[in-house]
Amino acid sequence: MYRKMIVYDRKTGDFAMYLDGELVGYAPTYLEAETRLNQLVYQLLTKTGAA
């Protein structure tokens, strides 16, 4: 399973999104960061399952 983490970045004022310890992007709100991470994990799972 993938490890997801969302951390507020004081320098940018955004929420940093991490997947398995790697920065994958930023979002303006926590909710949007959570949604984007969930979408990314879904894409990775469906891509892996189809191969």
PDB file of N, CA and C in Angstrom:
ATOM      1  N   MET A   1       0.838  -1.193   0.000  1.00  0.00           N
ATOM      2  CA  MET A   1       0.000   0.000   0.000  1.00  0.00           C
ATOM      3  C   MET A   1       0.873   1.241   0.000  1.00  0.00           C
ATOM      4  N   TYR A   2       0.347   2.306  -0.508  1.00  0.00           N
ATOM      5  CA  TYR A   2       1.076   3.562  -0.576  1.00  0.00           C
ATOM      6  C   TYR A   2       0.908   4.350   0.721  1.00  0.00           C
ATOM      7  N   ARG A   3       1.977   5.023   1.148  1.00  0.00           N
ATOM      8  CA  ARG A   3       1.912   5.896   2.318  1.00  0.00           C
ATOM      9  C   ARG A   3       1.700   7.321   1.827  1.00  0.00           C
ATOM     10  N   LYS A   4       0.632   7.954   2.288  1.00  0.00           N
ATOM     11  CA  LYS A   4       0.323   9.329   1.902  1.00  0.00           C
ATOM     12  C   LYS A   4       0.560  10.246   3.093  1.00  0.00           C
ATOM     13  N   MET A   5       1.112  11.430   2.812  1.00  0.00           N
ATOM     14  CA  MET A   5       1.325  12.400   3.874  1.00  0.00           C
ATOM     15  C   MET A   5       1.100  13.800   3.295  1.00  0.00           C
ATOM     16  N   ILE A   6       0.420  14.631   4.080  1.00  0.00           N
ATOM     17  CA  ILE A   6       0.157  16.011   3.690  1.00  0.00           C
ATOM     18  C   ILE A   6       0.700  16.909   4.793  1.00  0.00           C
ATOM     19  N   VAL A   7       1.543  17.867   4.401  1.00  0.00           N
ATOM     20  CA  VAL A   7       2.206  18.737   5.371  1.00  0.00           C
ATOM     21  C   VAL A   7       2.047  20.190   4.923  1.00  0.00           C
ATOM     22  N   TYR A   8       1.666  21.050   5.847  1.00  0.00           N
ATOM     23  CA  TYR A   8       1.568  22.470   5.527  1.00  0.00           C
ATOM     24  C   TYR A   8       2.962  23.052   5.370  1.00  0.00           C
ATOM     25  N   ASP A   9       3.198  23.763   4.278  1.00  0.00           N
ATOM     26  CA  ASP A   9       4.490  24.385   3.994  1.00  0.00           C
ATOM     27  C   ASP A   9       4.369  25.886   4.255  1.00  0.00           C
ATOM     28  N   ARG A  10       5.019  26.352   5.296  1.00  0.00           N
ATOM     29  CA  ARG A  10       4.903  27.772   5.668  1.00  0.00           C
ATOM     30  C   ARG A  10       5.514  28.706   4.634  1.00  0.00           C
ATOM     31  N   LYS A  11       6.523  28.247   3.924  1.00  0.00           N
ATOM     32  CA  LYS A  11       7.166  29.098   2.909  1.00  0.00           C
ATOM     33  C   LYS A  11       6.242  29.386   1.742  1.00  0.00           C
ATOM     34  N   THR A  12       5.529  28.377   1.280  1.00  0.00           N
ATOM     35  CA  THR A  12       4.658  28.556   0.117  1.00  0.00           C
ATOM     36  C   THR A  12       3.221  28.882   0.505  1.00  0.00           C
ATOM     37  N   GLY A  13       2.832  28.511   1.738  1.00  0.00           N
ATOM     38  CA  GLY A  13       1.449  28.707   2.167  1.00  0.00           C
ATOM     39  C   GLY A  13       0.520  27.638   1.616  1.00  0.00           C
ATOM     40  N   ASP A  14       1.112  26.604   1.017  1.00  0.00           N
ATOM     41  CA  ASP A  14       0.342  25.508   0.443  1.00  0.00           C
ATOM     42  C   ASP A  14       0.581  24.226   1.243  1.00  0.00           C
ATOM     43  N   PHE A  15      -0.101  23.187   0.834  1.00  0.00           N
ATOM     44  CA  PHE A  15       0.061  21.885   1.466  1.00  0.00           C
ATOM     45  C   PHE A  15       0.893  20.992   0.554  1.00  0.00           C
ATOM     46  N   ALA A  16       2.014  20.520   1.073  1.00  0.00           N
ATOM     47  CA  ALA A  16       2.888  19.634   0.318  1.00  0.00           C
ATOM     48  C   ALA A  16       2.332  18.219   0.382  1.00  0.00           C
ATOM     49  N   MET A  17       2.335  17.543  -0.756  1.00  0.00           N
ATOM     50  CA  MET A  17       1.814  16.182  -0.835  1.00  0.00           C
ATOM     51  C   MET A  17       2.974  15.220  -1.049  1.00  0.00           C
ATOM     52  N   TYR A  18       3.035  14.211  -0.182  1.00  0.00           N
ATOM     53  CA  TYR A  18       4.092  13.209  -0.271  1.00  0.00           C
ATOM     54  C   TYR A  18       3.464  11.844  -0.479  1.00  0.00           C
ATOM     55  N   LEU A  19       4.088  11.070  -1.347  1.00  0.00           N
ATOM     56  CA  LEU A  19       3.668   9.700  -1.576  1.00  0.00           C
ATOM     57  C   LEU A  19       4.887   8.814  -1.386  1.00  0.00           C
ATOM     58  N   ASP A  20       4.820   7.933  -0.419  1.00  0.00           N
ATOM     59  CA  ASP A  20       5.946   7.068  -0.042  1.00  0.00           C
ATOM     60  C   ASP A  20       7.214   7.882   0.226  1.00  0.00           C
ATOM     61  N   GLY A  21       7.051   9.015   0.886  1.00  0.00           N
ATOM     62  CA  GLY A  21       8.181   9.841   1.280  1.00  0.00           C
ATOM     63  C   GLY A  21       8.716  10.781   0.218  1.00  0.00           C
ATOM     64  N   GLU A  22       8.142  10.766  -0.983  1.00  0.00           N
ATOM     65  CA  GLU A  22       8.598  11.640  -2.060  1.00  0.00           C
ATOM     66  C   GLU A  22       7.572  12.736  -2.327  1.00  0.00           C
ATOM     67  N   LEU A  23       8.065  13.964  -2.473  1.00  0.00           N
ATOM     68  CA  LEU A  23       7.197  15.097  -2.774  1.00  0.00           C
ATOM     69  C   LEU A  23       6.616  14.931  -4.177  1.00  0.00           C
ATOM     70  N   VAL A  24       5.295  14.987  -4.274  1.00  0.00           N
ATOM     71  CA  VAL A  24       4.648  14.832  -5.577  1.00  0.00           C
ATOM     72  C   VAL A  24       3.921  16.094  -6.016  1.00  0.00           C
ATOM     73  N   GLY A  25       3.859  17.109  -5.149  1.00  0.00           N
ATOM     74  CA  GLY A  25       3.225  18.348  -5.548  1.00  0.00           C
ATOM     75  C   GLY A  25       2.690  19.145  -4.372  1.00  0.00           C
ATOM     76  N   TYR A  26       2.010  20.240  -4.720  1.00  0.00           N
ATOM     77  CA  TYR A  26       1.433  21.140  -3.728  1.00  0.00           C
ATOM     78  C   TYR A  26      -0.029  21.390  -4.069  1.00  0.00           C
ATOM     79  N   ALA A  27      -0.818  21.686  -3.058  1.00  0.00           N
ATOM     80  CA  ALA A  27      -2.223  22.039  -3.237  1.00  0.00           C
ATOM     81  C   ALA A  27      -2.540  23.205  -2.297  1.00  0.00           C
ATOM     82  N   PRO A  28      -3.487  24.043  -2.695  1.00  0.00           N
ATOM     83  CA  PRO A  28      -3.810  25.217  -1.867  1.00  0.00           C
ATOM     84  C   PRO A  28      -4.566  24.906  -0.583  1.00  0.00           C
ATOM     85  N   THR A  29      -5.270  23.775  -0.541  1.00  0.00           N
ATOM     86  CA  THR A  29      -6.011  23.400   0.665  1.00  0.00           C
ATOM     87  C   THR A  29      -5.721  21.942   1.016  1.00  0.00           C
ATOM     88  N   TYR A  30      -5.959  21.610   2.282  1.00  0.00           N
ATOM     89  CA  TYR A  30      -5.755  20.233   2.730  1.00  0.00           C
ATOM     90  C   TYR A  30      -6.695  19.284   1.977  1.00  0.00           C
ATOM     91  N   LEU A  31      -7.933  19.689   1.832  1.00  0.00           N
ATOM     92  CA  LEU A  31      -8.918  18.849   1.148  1.00  0.00           C
ATOM     93  C   LEU A  31      -8.505  18.573  -0.292  1.00  0.00           C
ATOM     94  N   GLU A  32      -8.034  19.584  -0.973  1.00  0.00           N
ATOM     95  CA  GLU A  32      -7.594  19.390  -2.363  1.00  0.00           C
ATOM     96  C   GLU A  32      -6.361  18.487  -2.419  1.00  0.00           C
ATOM     97  N   ALA A  33      -5.449  18.647  -1.474  1.00  0.00           N
ATOM     98  CA  ALA A  33      -4.270  17.785  -1.422  1.00  0.00           C
ATOM     99  C   ALA A  33      -4.684  16.329  -1.214  1.00  0.00           C
ATOM    100  N   GLU A  34      -5.627  16.105  -0.321  1.00  0.00           N
ATOM    101  CA  GLU A  34      -6.109  14.753  -0.047  1.00  0.00           C
ATOM    102  C   GLU A  34      -6.762  14.149  -1.292  1.00  0.00           C
ATOM    103  N   THR A  35      -7.556  14.946  -1.972  1.00  0.00           N
ATOM    104  CA  THR A  35      -8.233  14.489  -3.187  1.00  0.00           C
ATOM    105  C   THR A  35      -7.226  14.141  -4.269  1.00  0.00           C
ATOM    106  N   ARG A  36      -6.239  15.008  -4.466  1.00  0.00           N
ATOM    107  CA  ARG A  36      -5.223  14.758  -5.499  1.00  0.00           C
ATOM    108  C   ARG A  36      -4.407  13.512  -5.190  1.00  0.00           C
ATOM    109  N   LEU A  37      -4.034  13.331  -3.931  1.00  0.00           N
ATOM    110  CA  LEU A  37      -3.274  12.137  -3.558  1.00  0.00           C
ATOM    111  C   LEU A  37      -4.096  10.875  -3.781  1.00  0.00           C
ATOM    112  N   ASN A  38      -5.361  10.924  -3.422  1.00  0.00           N
ATOM    113  CA  ASN A  38      -6.234   9.773  -3.643  1.00  0.00           C
ATOM    114  C   ASN A  38      -6.359   9.450  -5.129  1.00  0.00           C
ATOM    115  N   GLN A  39      -6.474  10.479  -5.965  1.00  0.00           N
ATOM    116  CA  GLN A  39      -6.553  10.271  -7.406  1.00  0.00           C
ATOM    117  C   GLN A  39      -5.260   9.666  -7.945  1.00  0.00           C
ATOM    118  N   LEU A  40      -4.134  10.144  -7.448  1.00  0.00           N
ATOM    119  CA  LEU A  40      -2.841   9.625  -7.882  1.00  0.00           C
ATOM    120  C   LEU A  40      -2.694   8.148  -7.507  1.00  0.00           C
ATOM    121  N   VAL A  41      -3.041   7.812  -6.291  1.00  0.00           N
ATOM    122  CA  VAL A  41      -2.956   6.417  -5.850  1.00  0.00           C
ATOM    123  C   VAL A  41      -3.894   5.549  -6.688  1.00  0.00           C
ATOM    124  N   TYR A  42      -5.079   6.027  -6.958  1.00  0.00           N
ATOM    125  CA  TYR A  42      -6.020   5.274  -7.788  1.00  0.00           C
ATOM    126  C   TYR A  42      -5.438   5.015  -9.171  1.00  0.00           C
ATOM    127  N   GLN A  43      -4.854   6.058  -9.767  1.00  0.00           N
ATOM    128  CA  GLN A  43      -4.240   5.911 -11.092  1.00  0.00           C
ATOM    129  C   GLN A  43      -3.103   4.894 -11.053  1.00  0.00           C
ATOM    130  N   LEU A  44      -2.296   4.946 -10.015  1.00  0.00           N
ATOM    131  CA  LEU A  44      -1.189   3.995  -9.903  1.00  0.00           C
ATOM    132  C   LEU A  44      -1.693   2.562  -9.712  1.00  0.00           C
ATOM    133  N   LEU A  45      -2.730   2.404  -8.921  1.00  0.00           N
ATOM    134  CA  LEU A  45      -3.278   1.072  -8.690  1.00  0.00           C
ATOM    135  C   LEU A  45      -3.940   0.492  -9.934  1.00  0.00           C
ATOM    136  N   THR A  46      -4.678   1.310 -10.667  1.00  0.00           N
ATOM    137  CA  THR A  46      -5.357   0.815 -11.845  1.00  0.00           C
ATOM    138  C   THR A  46      -4.371   0.563 -12.990  1.00  0.00           C
ATOM    139  N   LYS A  47      -3.330   1.370 -13.079  1.00  0.00           N
ATOM    140  CA  LYS A  47      -2.290   1.166 -14.087  1.00  0.00           C
ATOM    141  C   LYS A  47      -1.524  -0.120 -13.785  1.00  0.00           C
ATOM    142  N   THR A  48      -1.190  -0.345 -12.537  1.00  0.00           N
ATOM    143  CA  THR A  48      -0.454  -1.539 -12.125  1.00  0.00           C
ATOM    144  C   THR A  48      -1.313  -2.779 -12.330  1.00  0.00           C
ATOM    145  N   GLY A  49      -2.603  -2.676 -12.002  1.00  0.00           N
ATOM    146  CA  GLY A  49      -3.483  -3.820 -12.133  1.00  0.00           C
ATOM    147  C   GLY A  49      -3.741  -4.221 -13.577  1.00  0.00           C
ATOM    148  N   ALA A  50      -3.663  -3.252 -14.502  1.00  0.00           N
ATOM    149  CA  ALA A  50      -3.945  -3.524 -15.903  1.00  0.00           C
ATOM    150  C   ALA A  50      -2.750  -4.147 -16.616  1.00  0.00           C
ATOM    151  N   ALA A  51      -1.572  -3.995 -16.079  1.00  0.00           N
ATOM    152  CA  ALA A  51      -0.360  -4.487 -16.751  1.00  0.00           C
ATOM    153  C   ALA A  51      -0.138  -5.960 -16.546  1.00  0.00           C
TER     154      ALA A  51
END
